[in-house]
Amino acid sequence: MRVKFYANIRQVARVPFIEIDAKDISNIKLLLRYLYKEFGSEMGDVLYEKDGTISKNINILIDGRSIYDLEYEKTHLKNDMTIVLLSKTAGG
């Protein structure tokens, strides 16, 4: 799968996107854990609230659909998907 980063999330990742094999990362919850491990605590600060829930300040889209319209952090991921992570303040 391709994971694209925008706005402040791209600044933390320092790359516009990464490619990941979905066989090891089957849902959004595991993807966010992977990104935290890959990019460190600064990424964790962007992705998570202090209580460990997904930050209210980011949007996560899977093939153009919000995880809020799908199964939230349990949304199943496949290799042919594109995941977009962006700040809610990104855009205009």
N, C-alpha and C. Protein backbone atom coordinates (compact mmCIF):
# COMPACT_ATOMS: atom_id res chain seq x y z
N MET A 1 0.84 -1.17 0.00
CA MET A 1 0.00 0.00 0.00
C MET A 1 0.89 1.23 0.00
N ARG A 2 0.33 2.31 -0.47
CA ARG A 2 1.06 3.58 -0.46
C ARG A 2 0.45 4.47 0.61
N VAL A 3 1.31 5.04 1.45
CA VAL A 3 0.88 5.97 2.49
C VAL A 3 1.46 7.33 2.14
N LYS A 4 0.57 8.30 1.88
CA LYS A 4 0.98 9.65 1.52
C LYS A 4 0.84 10.58 2.71
N PHE A 5 1.80 11.48 2.83
CA PHE A 5 1.82 12.44 3.94
C PHE A 5 1.66 13.85 3.40
N TYR A 6 0.88 14.68 4.11
CA TYR A 6 0.68 16.07 3.73
C TYR A 6 0.82 16.98 4.95
N ALA A 7 1.11 18.23 4.67
CA ALA A 7 1.20 19.30 5.68
C ALA A 7 2.22 18.94 6.76
N ASN A 8 1.87 19.17 8.02
CA ASN A 8 2.83 18.95 9.11
C ASN A 8 3.23 17.49 9.24
N ILE A 9 2.41 16.58 8.79
CA ILE A 9 2.75 15.16 8.86
C ILE A 9 3.90 14.86 7.89
N ARG A 10 3.90 15.50 6.74
CA ARG A 10 5.01 15.33 5.79
C ARG A 10 6.29 15.92 6.36
N GLN A 11 6.17 17.02 7.07
CA GLN A 11 7.37 17.62 7.69
C GLN A 11 8.00 16.67 8.70
N VAL A 12 7.20 15.95 9.43
CA VAL A 12 7.72 14.98 10.39
C VAL A 12 8.32 13.77 9.67
N ALA A 13 7.62 13.26 8.67
CA ALA A 13 8.08 12.07 7.94
C ALA A 13 9.30 12.38 7.07
N ARG A 14 9.37 13.61 6.57
CA ARG A 14 10.46 14.06 5.69
C ARG A 14 10.49 13.34 4.35
N VAL A 15 9.38 12.70 3.99
CA VAL A 15 9.19 12.09 2.68
C VAL A 15 7.73 12.31 2.29
N PRO A 16 7.42 12.38 0.99
CA PRO A 16 6.03 12.57 0.60
C PRO A 16 5.17 11.32 0.74
N PHE A 17 5.79 10.13 0.66
CA PHE A 17 5.03 8.89 0.80
C PHE A 17 5.99 7.74 1.10
N ILE A 18 5.39 6.63 1.55
CA ILE A 18 6.14 5.38 1.72
C ILE A 18 5.28 4.24 1.17
N GLU A 19 5.93 3.15 0.81
CA GLU A 19 5.25 1.93 0.38
C GLU A 19 5.41 0.89 1.48
N ILE A 20 4.31 0.23 1.83
CA ILE A 20 4.33 -0.77 2.90
C ILE A 20 3.56 -2.00 2.43
N ASP A 21 4.02 -3.17 2.82
CA ASP A 21 3.32 -4.42 2.50
C ASP A 21 2.20 -4.62 3.52
N ALA A 22 0.98 -4.77 3.04
CA ALA A 22 -0.18 -4.90 3.92
C ALA A 22 -0.25 -6.24 4.64
N LYS A 23 0.57 -7.21 4.25
CA LYS A 23 0.47 -8.51 4.93
C LYS A 23 0.84 -8.42 6.41
N ASP A 24 1.70 -7.46 6.76
CA ASP A 24 2.11 -7.29 8.15
C ASP A 24 1.31 -6.20 8.87
N ILE A 25 0.62 -5.38 8.11
CA ILE A 25 -0.13 -4.25 8.67
C ILE A 25 -1.55 -4.33 8.11
N SER A 26 -2.42 -4.97 8.85
CA SER A 26 -3.73 -5.30 8.30
C SER A 26 -4.82 -4.27 8.57
N ASN A 27 -4.56 -3.28 9.45
CA ASN A 27 -5.59 -2.29 9.73
C ASN A 27 -4.96 -0.95 10.10
N ILE A 28 -5.79 0.06 10.25
CA ILE A 28 -5.31 1.42 10.55
C ILE A 28 -4.57 1.48 11.88
N LYS A 29 -5.07 0.80 12.88
CA LYS A 29 -4.41 0.81 14.19
C LYS A 29 -2.97 0.34 14.07
N LEU A 30 -2.75 -0.77 13.35
CA LEU A 30 -1.39 -1.29 13.16
C LEU A 30 -0.55 -0.37 12.29
N LEU A 31 -1.17 0.27 11.30
CA LEU A 31 -0.44 1.22 10.46
C LEU A 31 0.08 2.39 11.28
N LEU A 32 -0.75 2.95 12.14
CA LEU A 32 -0.32 4.08 12.96
C LEU A 32 0.80 3.67 13.91
N ARG A 33 0.72 2.47 14.47
CA ARG A 33 1.81 1.97 15.32
C ARG A 33 3.11 1.87 14.52
N TYR A 34 3.01 1.35 13.30
CA TYR A 34 4.17 1.22 12.43
C TYR A 34 4.79 2.60 12.16
N LEU A 35 3.95 3.58 11.83
CA LEU A 35 4.45 4.92 11.54
C LEU A 35 5.12 5.54 12.76
N TYR A 36 4.57 5.31 13.93
CA TYR A 36 5.17 5.79 15.17
C TYR A 36 6.56 5.18 15.35
N LYS A 37 6.67 3.86 15.16
CA LYS A 37 7.97 3.19 15.31
C LYS A 37 8.95 3.65 14.24
N GLU A 38 8.47 3.84 13.03
CA GLU A 38 9.34 4.21 11.90
C GLU A 38 9.85 5.65 12.02
N PHE A 39 8.99 6.57 12.45
CA PHE A 39 9.33 7.99 12.43
C PHE A 39 9.53 8.61 13.81
N GLY A 40 9.26 7.87 14.87
CA GLY A 40 9.58 8.33 16.21
C GLY A 40 8.49 9.11 16.93
N SER A 41 8.88 9.63 18.09
CA SER A 41 7.92 10.26 18.99
C SER A 41 7.27 11.51 18.41
N GLU A 42 7.98 12.22 17.55
CA GLU A 42 7.38 13.41 16.93
C GLU A 42 6.17 13.00 16.08
N MET A 43 6.28 11.87 15.37
CA MET A 43 5.14 11.37 14.61
C MET A 43 4.04 10.93 15.56
N GLY A 44 4.40 10.30 16.65
CA GLY A 44 3.41 9.90 17.65
C GLY A 44 2.63 11.09 18.18
N ASP A 45 3.31 12.20 18.38
CA ASP A 45 2.64 13.41 18.87
C ASP A 45 1.62 13.93 17.87
N VAL A 46 1.89 13.72 16.58
CA VAL A 46 0.96 14.17 15.53
C VAL A 46 -0.21 13.19 15.40
N LEU A 47 0.06 11.90 15.51
CA LEU A 47 -0.96 10.88 15.24
C LEU A 47 -1.90 10.60 16.40
N TYR A 48 -1.43 10.81 17.63
CA TYR A 48 -2.20 10.39 18.80
C TYR A 48 -2.51 11.53 19.76
N GLU A 49 -3.66 11.40 20.42
CA GLU A 49 -4.00 12.25 21.56
C GLU A 49 -3.21 11.74 22.77
N LYS A 50 -3.19 12.48 23.83
CA LYS A 50 -2.46 12.07 25.04
C LYS A 50 -3.00 10.76 25.64
N ASP A 51 -4.29 10.48 25.41
CA ASP A 51 -4.87 9.25 25.95
C ASP A 51 -4.67 8.04 25.03
N GLY A 52 -3.93 8.22 23.91
CA GLY A 52 -3.63 7.12 23.00
C GLY A 52 -4.60 6.92 21.87
N THR A 53 -5.66 7.71 21.83
CA THR A 53 -6.60 7.61 20.71
C THR A 53 -6.05 8.38 19.52
N ILE A 54 -6.63 8.12 18.35
CA ILE A 54 -6.20 8.82 17.13
C ILE A 54 -6.49 10.30 17.28
N SER A 55 -5.52 11.11 16.90
CA SER A 55 -5.65 12.56 17.04
C SER A 55 -6.87 13.10 16.30
N LYS A 56 -7.54 14.04 16.91
CA LYS A 56 -8.67 14.72 16.29
C LYS A 56 -8.19 15.78 15.29
N ASN A 57 -6.88 16.00 15.22
CA ASN A 57 -6.32 17.03 14.35
C ASN A 57 -5.82 16.50 13.02
N ILE A 58 -6.06 15.21 12.76
CA ILE A 58 -5.65 14.65 11.46
C ILE A 58 -6.83 13.99 10.78
N ASN A 59 -6.75 13.93 9.47
CA ASN A 59 -7.69 13.18 8.65
C ASN A 59 -6.93 12.00 8.06
N ILE A 60 -7.57 10.84 8.07
CA ILE A 60 -7.00 9.65 7.46
C ILE A 60 -7.99 9.18 6.41
N LEU A 61 -7.54 9.17 5.17
CA LEU A 61 -8.38 8.76 4.05
C LEU A 61 -7.83 7.48 3.44
N ILE A 62 -8.72 6.58 3.10
CA ILE A 62 -8.35 5.35 2.41
C ILE A 62 -9.07 5.36 1.07
N ASP A 63 -8.29 5.44 0.00
CA ASP A 63 -8.85 5.55 -1.34
C ASP A 63 -9.93 6.64 -1.40
N GLY A 64 -9.66 7.76 -0.73
CA GLY A 64 -10.54 8.91 -0.76
C GLY A 64 -11.67 8.92 0.26
N ARG A 65 -11.79 7.86 1.05
CA ARG A 65 -12.86 7.79 2.06
C ARG A 65 -12.28 7.90 3.46
N SER A 66 -12.93 8.70 4.29
CA SER A 66 -12.49 8.89 5.67
C SER A 66 -12.65 7.60 6.47
N ILE A 67 -11.71 7.36 7.38
CA ILE A 67 -11.85 6.19 8.25
C ILE A 67 -13.10 6.30 9.12
N TYR A 68 -13.61 7.51 9.33
CA TYR A 68 -14.84 7.69 10.10
C TYR A 68 -16.05 7.12 9.36
N ASP A 69 -15.96 7.02 8.03
CA ASP A 69 -17.04 6.45 7.22
C ASP A 69 -16.86 4.95 7.02
N LEU A 70 -15.74 4.42 7.49
CA LEU A 70 -15.43 3.00 7.33
C LEU A 70 -15.48 2.34 8.71
N GLU A 71 -14.47 1.59 9.07
CA GLU A 71 -14.46 0.91 10.36
C GLU A 71 -13.44 1.52 11.32
N TYR A 72 -13.19 2.83 11.14
CA TYR A 72 -12.28 3.59 11.99
C TYR A 72 -10.93 2.88 12.07
N GLU A 73 -10.37 2.64 13.25
CA GLU A 73 -9.03 2.08 13.35
C GLU A 73 -8.99 0.59 12.99
N LYS A 74 -10.14 -0.05 12.89
CA LYS A 74 -10.20 -1.47 12.52
C LYS A 74 -10.34 -1.66 11.01
N THR A 75 -10.37 -0.57 10.25
CA THR A 75 -10.53 -0.67 8.80
C THR A 75 -9.42 -1.53 8.22
N HIS A 76 -9.81 -2.56 7.48
CA HIS A 76 -8.88 -3.51 6.89
C HIS A 76 -8.12 -2.87 5.73
N LEU A 77 -6.83 -3.13 5.64
CA LEU A 77 -5.98 -2.57 4.60
C LEU A 77 -5.50 -3.64 3.64
N LYS A 78 -5.33 -3.24 2.36
CA LYS A 78 -4.83 -4.13 1.31
C LYS A 78 -3.72 -3.42 0.55
N ASN A 79 -2.90 -4.20 -0.14
CA ASN A 79 -1.76 -3.63 -0.85
C ASN A 79 -2.14 -2.65 -1.95
N ASP A 80 -3.31 -2.77 -2.54
CA ASP A 80 -3.68 -1.88 -3.64
C ASP A 80 -4.31 -0.57 -3.17
N MET A 81 -4.30 -0.32 -1.88
CA MET A 81 -4.91 0.89 -1.32
C MET A 81 -3.91 2.04 -1.23
N THR A 82 -4.48 3.26 -1.25
CA THR A 82 -3.70 4.46 -0.98
C THR A 82 -4.27 5.12 0.27
N ILE A 83 -3.42 5.31 1.25
CA ILE A 83 -3.82 5.95 2.51
C ILE A 83 -3.21 7.34 2.54
N VAL A 84 -4.01 8.32 2.87
CA VAL A 84 -3.56 9.71 2.94
C VAL A 84 -3.72 10.18 4.38
N LEU A 85 -2.64 10.76 4.91
CA LEU A 85 -2.68 11.36 6.24
C LEU A 85 -2.42 12.85 6.08
N LEU A 86 -3.35 13.66 6.57
CA LEU A 86 -3.18 15.10 6.47
C LEU A 86 -3.76 15.79 7.69
N SER A 87 -3.22 16.94 7.97
CA SER A 87 -3.70 17.76 9.07
C SER A 87 -5.07 18.33 8.71
N LYS A 88 -5.94 18.45 9.69
CA LYS A 88 -7.25 19.05 9.42
C LYS A 88 -7.14 20.51 9.04
N THR A 89 -6.01 21.13 9.34
CA THR A 89 -5.81 22.52 8.96
C THR A 89 -5.18 22.66 7.58
N ALA A 90 -4.86 21.53 6.92
CA ALA A 90 -4.27 21.58 5.57
C ALA A 90 -5.36 21.92 4.56
N GLY A 91 -5.00 22.57 3.49
CA GLY A 91 -5.96 22.91 2.46
C GLY A 91 -6.45 24.33 2.62
N GLY A 92 -7.46 24.67 1.86
CA GLY A 92 -7.92 26.04 1.94
C GLY A 92 -9.32 26.25 1.54
